[in-house]
Protein backbone atom coordinates (compact mmCIF):
# COMPACT_ATOMS: atom_id res chain seq x y z
CA MET A 1 -25.40 -51.87 -98.19
CA SER A 2 -22.63 -49.49 -97.16
CA PRO A 3 -23.35 -46.66 -94.71
CA THR A 4 -23.48 -43.20 -96.26
CA ASN A 5 -22.63 -40.93 -93.33
CA HIS A 6 -19.29 -40.85 -91.55
CA PRO A 7 -19.52 -41.67 -87.82
CA ARG A 8 -18.87 -38.74 -85.49
CA ARG A 9 -15.35 -38.36 -84.15
CA PRO A 10 -16.00 -40.07 -80.75
CA GLU A 11 -17.48 -43.13 -82.46
CA LEU A 12 -14.65 -43.24 -85.00
CA ILE A 13 -12.14 -43.15 -82.12
CA ALA A 14 -14.02 -45.98 -80.41
CA ILE A 15 -14.05 -48.13 -83.57
CA ALA A 16 -10.38 -47.45 -84.28
CA THR A 17 -9.45 -48.27 -80.68
CA VAL A 18 -11.21 -51.63 -80.79
CA LEU A 19 -9.50 -52.55 -84.06
CA MET A 20 -6.03 -51.49 -82.95
CA ALA A 21 -6.57 -53.13 -79.55
CA THR A 22 -6.67 -56.47 -81.36
CA ILE A 23 -2.87 -56.37 -81.58
CA ALA A 24 -2.38 -55.26 -77.97
CA LEU A 25 -4.76 -57.93 -76.71
CA SER A 26 -3.01 -60.55 -78.82
CA ILE A 27 0.16 -59.71 -76.89
CA ASP A 28 -0.91 -58.81 -73.38
CA VAL A 29 -3.75 -61.23 -72.73
CA MET A 30 -1.30 -64.06 -73.54
CA LEU A 31 1.44 -62.94 -71.14
CA PRO A 32 0.06 -64.74 -68.05
CA ALA A 33 -0.32 -67.91 -70.16
CA LEU A 34 3.29 -68.09 -71.40
CA GLY A 35 4.31 -70.34 -68.51
CA ASP A 36 1.42 -72.75 -69.17
CA ILE A 37 2.15 -72.79 -72.91
CA ALA A 38 5.85 -73.49 -72.33
CA SER A 39 5.00 -76.23 -69.84
CA GLU A 40 2.50 -77.98 -72.12
CA PHE A 41 4.87 -78.02 -75.10
CA GLY A 42 7.98 -78.82 -73.06
CA VAL A 43 9.81 -75.58 -73.85
CA ILE A 44 12.83 -75.65 -71.53
CA ASP A 45 14.53 -72.35 -72.42
CA ASP A 46 12.61 -69.61 -70.59
CA ASN A 47 13.62 -66.98 -73.17
CA ARG A 48 12.23 -69.12 -76.02
CA ARG A 49 8.68 -68.63 -74.73
CA GLN A 50 9.03 -65.03 -75.95
CA MET A 51 8.67 -66.40 -79.50
CA VAL A 52 4.91 -66.49 -78.83
CA ILE A 53 5.06 -62.68 -78.90
CA ILE A 54 7.83 -62.21 -81.47
CA CYS A 55 6.14 -64.44 -84.10
CA LEU A 56 3.02 -62.28 -83.96
CA PHE A 57 5.16 -59.29 -84.94
CA VAL A 58 6.87 -61.22 -87.73
CA GLY A 59 3.46 -61.87 -89.26
CA LEU A 60 2.44 -58.27 -88.66
CA ALA A 61 5.52 -56.98 -90.52
CA VAL A 62 4.75 -59.17 -93.54
CA GLY A 63 1.01 -58.56 -93.52
CA GLN A 64 1.30 -54.78 -93.37
CA LEU A 65 3.16 -54.70 -96.69
CA PHE A 66 0.28 -56.62 -98.26
CA PHE A 67 -2.72 -54.89 -96.68
CA GLY A 68 -1.49 -51.35 -97.36
CA PRO A 69 -1.51 -51.62 -101.17
CA LEU A 70 -4.55 -53.90 -101.01
CA SER A 71 -6.56 -51.23 -99.18
CA ASP A 72 -5.43 -48.65 -101.75
CA SER A 73 -6.61 -50.97 -104.52
CA ILE A 74 -9.89 -52.54 -103.36
CA GLY A 75 -10.84 -50.10 -100.58
CA ARG A 76 -10.48 -49.86 -96.83
CA ARG A 77 -13.60 -51.85 -95.94
CA PRO A 78 -12.90 -55.05 -97.95
CA ALA A 79 -9.25 -55.07 -96.85
CA VAL A 80 -10.10 -54.91 -93.15
CA ALA A 81 -12.64 -57.74 -93.58
CA ILE A 82 -10.02 -59.98 -95.19
CA GLY A 83 -7.60 -59.22 -92.37
CA ALA A 84 -10.16 -60.19 -89.72
CA GLY A 85 -10.77 -63.49 -91.50
CA LEU A 86 -7.05 -64.35 -91.53
CA PHE A 87 -6.76 -63.40 -87.87
CA ALA A 88 -9.62 -65.74 -86.95
CA VAL A 89 -8.07 -68.62 -88.94
CA GLY A 90 -4.75 -68.02 -87.19
CA GLY A 91 -6.56 -68.21 -83.86
CA VAL A 92 -8.00 -71.62 -84.78
CA VAL A 93 -4.51 -72.89 -85.71
CA CYS A 94 -3.11 -71.70 -82.37
CA ALA A 95 -6.01 -73.15 -80.35
CA THR A 96 -5.70 -76.59 -81.96
CA ALA A 97 -1.88 -76.77 -82.25
CA SER A 98 -0.26 -80.02 -81.11
CA THR A 99 3.32 -78.68 -81.14
CA PHE A 100 4.99 -75.43 -80.15
CA ASP A 101 6.16 -74.83 -83.73
CA ALA A 102 2.60 -75.28 -85.05
CA MET A 103 1.35 -72.74 -82.53
CA LEU A 104 4.06 -70.29 -83.62
CA ALA A 105 2.93 -70.75 -87.23
CA GLY A 106 -0.58 -69.84 -86.12
CA ARG A 107 0.76 -66.75 -84.37
CA ILE A 108 2.47 -65.64 -87.60
CA LEU A 109 -0.85 -66.06 -89.43
CA GLN A 110 -2.60 -64.11 -86.67
CA GLY A 111 -0.06 -61.32 -87.11
CA CYS A 112 -0.66 -61.25 -90.87
CA GLY A 113 -4.40 -60.94 -90.27
CA ALA A 114 -4.02 -58.30 -87.55
CA ALA A 115 -2.17 -56.16 -90.10
CA GLY A 116 -5.51 -55.56 -91.85
CA PRO A 117 -7.23 -53.72 -88.98
CA ARG A 118 -3.93 -52.07 -87.99
CA ILE A 119 -3.10 -50.60 -91.40
CA VAL A 120 -6.62 -49.82 -92.55
CA THR A 121 -7.35 -47.94 -89.33
CA VAL A 122 -4.35 -45.65 -89.75
CA ALA A 123 -5.03 -45.17 -93.48
CA LEU A 124 -8.70 -44.42 -92.82
CA ILE A 125 -7.81 -41.78 -90.23
CA ARG A 126 -5.25 -40.28 -92.64
CA ASP A 127 -8.00 -40.16 -95.29
CA ARG A 128 -10.06 -37.95 -92.99
CA PHE A 129 -7.40 -36.00 -91.03
CA GLN A 130 -3.81 -34.83 -91.39
CA GLY A 131 -1.02 -33.08 -89.48
CA ALA A 132 -1.76 -31.99 -85.92
CA ALA A 133 -5.41 -33.05 -86.26
CA MET A 134 -4.31 -36.60 -87.08
CA ALA A 135 -1.78 -36.51 -84.22
CA ARG A 136 -4.53 -35.53 -81.76
CA ILE A 137 -6.80 -38.32 -82.98
CA MET A 138 -3.98 -40.88 -82.87
CA SER A 139 -2.91 -39.71 -79.41
CA ILE A 140 -6.43 -40.15 -78.04
CA ILE A 141 -6.68 -43.59 -79.69
CA MET A 142 -3.28 -44.59 -78.34
CA GLY A 143 -4.16 -43.24 -74.90
CA ILE A 144 -7.22 -45.48 -74.74
CA PHE A 145 -5.45 -48.28 -76.60
CA ILE A 146 -2.61 -48.36 -74.07
CA MET A 147 -5.19 -49.04 -71.37
CA VAL A 148 -5.36 -52.53 -72.85
CA PRO A 149 -2.07 -53.59 -71.18
CA VAL A 150 -3.54 -52.34 -67.91
CA LEU A 151 -6.50 -54.71 -68.14
CA ALA A 152 -5.43 -57.51 -70.51
CA PRO A 153 -2.98 -59.40 -68.23
CA SER A 154 -5.55 -59.35 -65.42
CA LEU A 155 -8.23 -60.47 -67.87
CA GLY A 156 -5.98 -63.23 -69.18
CA GLN A 157 -5.10 -64.37 -65.67
CA ALA A 158 -8.78 -64.39 -64.66
CA LEU A 159 -9.83 -66.28 -67.78
CA LEU A 160 -7.18 -68.94 -67.16
CA VAL A 161 -9.09 -69.85 -64.00
CA PHE A 162 -12.11 -70.82 -66.10
CA MET A 163 -10.57 -72.00 -69.36
CA PRO A 164 -7.31 -73.43 -70.74
CA TRP A 165 -4.93 -71.08 -72.52
CA ARG A 166 -6.25 -72.31 -75.87
CA GLY A 167 -9.58 -70.63 -75.15
CA LEU A 168 -7.89 -67.22 -75.14
CA PHE A 169 -7.43 -67.45 -78.90
CA GLY A 170 -11.17 -67.85 -79.41
CA LEU A 171 -11.79 -64.70 -77.36
CA LEU A 172 -9.27 -62.75 -79.44
CA SER A 173 -10.98 -63.81 -82.68
CA VAL A 174 -14.40 -62.75 -81.41
CA ILE A 175 -13.13 -59.29 -80.42
CA CYS A 176 -11.41 -58.74 -83.78
CA VAL A 177 -14.41 -59.83 -85.86
CA SER A 178 -16.79 -57.75 -83.71
CA GLY A 179 -14.71 -54.62 -84.24
CA VAL A 180 -14.64 -55.15 -88.01
CA VAL A 181 -18.41 -55.70 -88.14
CA TRP A 182 -18.88 -52.42 -86.25
CA LEU A 183 -16.66 -50.64 -88.78
CA LEU A 184 -18.50 -52.13 -91.76
CA LEU A 185 -21.89 -51.14 -90.33
CA ARG A 186 -20.95 -47.55 -89.48
CA GLN A 187 -18.01 -46.33 -91.59
CA PRO A 188 -18.44 -45.67 -95.34
CA GLU A 189 -15.54 -46.13 -97.72
CA THR A 190 -12.97 -43.31 -97.39
CA LEU A 191 -10.72 -44.19 -100.32
CA GLN A 192 -11.30 -41.53 -102.98
CA LYS A 193 -9.07 -42.80 -105.76
CA LYS A 194 -8.12 -46.45 -106.16
CA ARG A 195 -4.59 -47.40 -107.18
CA PRO A 196 -3.96 -50.51 -109.32
CA PHE A 197 -2.46 -53.47 -107.48
CA ALA A 198 0.44 -53.75 -109.92
CA PRO A 199 4.12 -54.41 -109.12
CA LEU A 200 5.50 -51.39 -111.00
CA VAL A 201 2.99 -49.00 -109.44
CA LEU A 202 3.63 -50.43 -105.99
CA PHE A 203 7.40 -50.24 -106.46
CA ALA A 204 7.17 -46.58 -107.45
CA ALA A 205 5.01 -45.82 -104.42
CA VAL A 206 7.33 -47.69 -102.05
CA ARG A 207 10.29 -45.82 -103.50
CA GLU A 208 8.50 -42.50 -102.90
CA VAL A 209 7.92 -43.40 -99.25
CA LEU A 210 11.46 -44.66 -98.63
CA THR A 211 13.10 -41.66 -100.27
CA ASP A 212 11.13 -39.14 -98.22
CA LYS A 213 13.90 -38.34 -95.73
CA ARG A 214 11.64 -36.94 -93.03
CA ALA A 215 9.18 -39.82 -93.30
CA ILE A 216 11.83 -42.54 -93.13
CA ALA A 217 13.78 -40.84 -90.34
CA PHE A 218 10.76 -40.64 -88.05
CA THR A 219 9.63 -44.11 -89.11
CA LEU A 220 12.95 -45.63 -88.04
CA ALA A 221 12.97 -43.57 -84.85
CA GLY A 222 9.48 -44.84 -84.07
CA GLY A 223 10.57 -48.43 -84.69
CA LEU A 224 13.46 -48.06 -82.26
CA CYS A 225 11.25 -46.59 -79.54
CA TYR A 226 8.58 -49.23 -80.08
CA GLY A 227 11.24 -51.96 -80.04
CA ALA A 228 12.56 -50.70 -76.72
CA LEU A 229 9.03 -50.88 -75.29
CA MET A 230 8.47 -54.38 -76.69
CA GLY A 231 11.80 -55.53 -75.25
CA TYR A 232 10.49 -54.64 -71.81
CA ILE A 233 7.10 -56.27 -72.49
CA ASN A 234 8.75 -59.49 -73.73
CA SER A 235 10.82 -59.69 -70.54
CA SER A 236 8.12 -58.51 -68.15
CA GLN A 237 6.71 -61.89 -67.12
CA GLN A 238 10.17 -63.27 -66.30
CA LEU A 239 11.17 -60.01 -64.61
CA PHE A 240 8.15 -59.58 -62.38
CA GLN A 241 7.45 -63.21 -61.56
CA GLY A 242 10.98 -64.60 -61.78
CA THR A 243 13.32 -61.86 -60.58
CA TYR A 244 10.95 -60.13 -58.17
CA GLY A 245 8.70 -63.10 -57.35
CA VAL A 246 5.44 -61.12 -57.38
CA GLY A 247 3.30 -64.12 -58.34
CA THR A 248 -0.28 -63.20 -59.24
CA ARG A 249 0.44 -59.50 -58.61
CA TYR A 250 2.23 -59.48 -61.98
CA ALA A 251 -0.87 -58.37 -63.91
CA LEU A 252 -1.57 -55.54 -61.48
CA LEU A 253 2.02 -54.22 -61.51
CA PHE A 254 2.35 -54.54 -65.28
CA GLY A 255 -0.90 -52.62 -65.73
CA ALA A 256 0.14 -49.92 -63.27
CA ALA A 257 3.28 -49.23 -65.30
CA ALA A 258 1.27 -49.16 -68.53
CA LEU A 259 -0.89 -46.39 -67.10
CA PHE A 260 2.06 -44.03 -67.51
CA ILE A 261 2.12 -44.67 -71.27
CA SER A 262 -1.61 -43.99 -71.44
CA ALA A 263 -1.23 -40.78 -69.42
CA ALA A 264 1.59 -39.65 -71.70
CA THR A 265 -0.36 -40.22 -74.93
CA LEU A 266 -3.33 -38.26 -73.57
CA THR A 267 -0.93 -35.51 -72.47
CA ASN A 268 0.49 -35.45 -75.99
CA ALA A 269 -3.00 -34.87 -77.41
CA ARG A 270 -2.97 -31.53 -75.55
CA LEU A 271 0.68 -30.70 -76.22
CA VAL A 272 0.34 -30.90 -80.02
CA LYS A 273 -2.08 -27.97 -79.85
CA ARG A 274 0.78 -25.74 -78.63
CA TYR A 275 4.03 -27.33 -79.80
CA SER A 276 5.25 -29.00 -82.99
CA MET A 277 5.19 -32.79 -83.11
CA ASP A 278 8.91 -32.84 -83.96
CA LYS A 279 9.84 -30.83 -80.88
CA ILE A 280 7.73 -33.03 -78.58
CA CYS A 281 9.37 -36.19 -79.91
CA VAL A 282 12.91 -34.83 -79.64
CA CYS A 283 12.40 -33.54 -76.08
CA ALA A 284 10.70 -36.76 -74.94
CA VAL A 285 13.42 -39.01 -76.36
CA PHE A 286 16.17 -36.78 -74.96
CA ALA A 287 14.56 -37.11 -71.51
CA LEU A 288 14.35 -40.89 -72.00
CA VAL A 289 18.07 -41.08 -72.81
CA ALA A 290 19.12 -38.88 -69.89
CA TRP A 291 16.97 -40.85 -67.45
CA SER A 292 18.08 -44.26 -68.77
CA VAL A 293 21.77 -43.33 -68.65
CA GLY A 294 21.32 -42.46 -64.98
CA VAL A 295 19.64 -45.81 -64.26
CA VAL A 296 22.32 -47.76 -66.18
CA VAL A 297 25.11 -46.00 -64.26
CA MET A 298 23.34 -46.76 -60.98
CA LEU A 299 23.02 -50.45 -61.91
CA LEU A 300 26.72 -50.63 -62.82
CA ILE A 301 27.71 -49.06 -59.51
CA LEU A 302 25.35 -51.07 -57.27
CA ARG A 303 25.67 -54.36 -59.22
CA VAL A 304 22.35 -55.51 -57.76
CA ASN A 305 18.74 -55.01 -58.79
CA PRO A 306 16.94 -52.19 -56.98
CA PRO A 307 13.92 -53.10 -54.85
CA LEU A 308 10.62 -53.56 -56.67
CA TRP A 309 9.42 -50.04 -55.90
CA GLY A 310 12.69 -48.62 -57.30
CA PHE A 311 12.23 -50.53 -60.55
CA MET A 312 8.61 -49.37 -60.82
CA VAL A 313 9.62 -45.72 -60.42
CA ALA A 314 12.51 -45.98 -62.89
CA ASN A 315 10.51 -47.88 -65.50
CA SER A 316 7.35 -45.79 -65.21
CA ALA A 317 9.31 -42.60 -65.94
CA ALA A 318 10.87 -44.22 -69.03
CA LEU A 319 7.48 -45.44 -70.24
CA PHE A 320 6.01 -41.94 -69.83
CA CYS A 321 8.76 -40.52 -72.08
CA LEU A 322 8.07 -43.19 -74.70
CA GLY A 323 4.33 -42.57 -74.50
CA LEU A 324 4.78 -38.92 -75.50
CA THR A 325 6.08 -40.04 -78.91
CA PHE A 326 3.70 -42.77 -80.07
CA GLY A 327 0.90 -40.50 -81.24
CA ASN A 328 3.32 -38.38 -83.28
CA PHE A 329 5.64 -40.69 -85.22
CA ASN A 330 2.97 -41.96 -87.65
CA ALA A 331 1.44 -38.50 -88.11
CA ILE A 332 4.85 -37.00 -88.95
CA ALA A 333 5.79 -39.84 -91.30
CA LEU A 334 2.47 -39.71 -93.21
CA ASP A 335 2.09 -35.92 -93.21
CA GLY A 336 3.22 -35.45 -96.81
CA LEU A 337 2.03 -38.82 -98.15
CA GLY A 338 -1.75 -38.47 -98.03
CA HIS A 339 -2.07 -39.27 -101.77
CA LEU A 340 -0.99 -42.86 -101.03
CA ALA A 341 -2.09 -43.19 -97.41
CA GLY A 342 -2.72 -46.95 -97.42
CA LEU A 343 0.61 -47.94 -98.93
CA ALA A 344 2.50 -45.27 -96.98
CA ALA A 345 0.94 -46.49 -93.74
CA ALA A 346 1.88 -50.06 -94.70
CA VAL A 347 5.51 -49.27 -95.55
CA THR A 348 6.12 -47.11 -92.49
CA ALA A 349 4.36 -49.58 -90.17
CA SER A 350 6.25 -52.55 -91.66
CA VAL A 351 9.59 -50.81 -91.28
CA GLN A 352 8.71 -49.88 -87.69
CA THR A 353 7.62 -53.44 -86.96
CA VAL A 354 10.74 -55.04 -88.47
CA VAL A 355 13.00 -52.68 -86.54
CA GLY A 356 10.92 -53.21 -83.41
CA VAL A 357 11.04 -57.02 -83.71
CA PHE A 358 14.83 -57.07 -84.02
CA VAL A 359 15.29 -54.61 -81.15
CA ALA A 360 12.74 -56.37 -78.92
CA GLY A 361 14.27 -59.76 -79.73
CA ALA A 362 17.76 -58.55 -78.88
CA ILE A 363 16.60 -57.05 -75.57
CA GLY A 364 14.31 -59.91 -74.62
CA LEU A 365 16.74 -62.70 -75.48
CA SER A 366 19.48 -60.87 -73.55
CA PHE A 367 17.42 -60.96 -70.37
CA ASN A 368 19.62 -62.15 -67.50
CA GLU A 369 17.34 -61.61 -64.48
CA THR A 370 18.55 -58.02 -64.12
CA LEU A 371 17.21 -54.66 -65.29
CA PHE A 372 20.38 -53.92 -67.25
CA PRO A 373 19.27 -55.18 -70.74
CA ILE A 374 15.97 -53.26 -70.53
CA PHE A 375 17.46 -49.89 -69.56
CA LEU A 376 20.46 -50.28 -71.84
CA GLY A 377 17.91 -50.88 -74.60
CA TYR A 378 16.03 -47.70 -73.67
CA CYS A 379 19.31 -45.77 -73.74
CA LEU A 380 20.76 -47.09 -77.03
CA CYS A 381 17.45 -46.95 -78.88
CA GLY A 382 16.87 -43.41 -77.61
CA VAL A 383 20.29 -42.20 -78.79
CA CYS A 384 19.78 -43.70 -82.26
CA ALA A 385 16.24 -42.27 -82.46
CA LEU A 386 17.51 -38.80 -81.55
CA LEU A 387 20.15 -38.92 -84.28
CA LEU A 388 17.55 -40.01 -86.83
CA MET A 389 15.08 -37.28 -85.88
CA LEU A 390 17.76 -34.58 -86.09
CA TRP A 391 19.14 -35.90 -89.39
CA PRO A 392 16.58 -34.20 -91.75
CA SER A 393 17.11 -30.86 -89.97
CA VAL A 394 20.90 -31.12 -90.28
CA ARG A 395 20.61 -31.88 -93.98
CA ARG A 396 18.41 -28.80 -94.53
CA LEU A 397 21.04 -26.59 -92.87
CA ARG A 398 23.79 -27.70 -95.26
């Protein structure tokens, strides 16, 4: 039997955070295990181990396009349950894989399944809130959600003392399924009007999303910013443990930097009460570009990596700027698309993921034991994001 009363806002935020944390955990809890995975499967190229992360996002990009229209057709609750099932199956494939390629196939399947909780959560929140109210909710969720990178690497490192890396996939499946069961027990269906799962209807809806200039501009900008962040995350294990030789302190230092993203998203939840989401995003990305240009120039002049504390300061400031945007991009993109929230959330999230995967792959695979690829990525992605965000305003002035 479905519940009849909507959970109060704090409980909804808690449920949404657990569901969205599935993706973050699937990335960050695995970071300390990348060396063990590469060693067991004989992966010689250090940069190739990043495929464990990238393949998850490939599956996520594909799955989001499926789960968006599915949740608009059969409802939010059944769609999220199907996604959790796929995620759990993908975890079994990864845990029992005998080759690196088989494990990557499992990661793609995990990504496809994770798209269910990811898309349905955003669509469900859009069903109940919009505009600044949605931005505040998403900022609070992201603020708590970003705490996952603070704890997950340490959790993963601690768990590796007691279990092989394959056991981490079982833990991920348990967390995902538990979050979905909580949702099904507490959250009634929010979809008011079902849309047929038909190609022509879906094509028309996709076309509406992609031709909304403001929605697509902020979607692409969000993908670039997220890709810049993922480029850093993909390179972080090699950077901290390889370049700086921090050993087991990696999890602690990675988490400390992630705290600045969390602080920024919670700050944004207060800022949107006084300023427009557009203005916050533009100012934050402009600050990111200015700061990153300064760091890139410094690296070109010095031609050596700064000390560890210098990198932590430079990177934490960049992450804070990025964190100010993450609660806003989705809210801006979906603001005028509430009548097809599931599909709109799927299209915008898929576009962001595809852009993010390519950007993160380019940054991560360019890693050369220096900070240059990471900060050049921040800079170039920030410039392109600024141009995209200003594009709809320029067109209106013509």
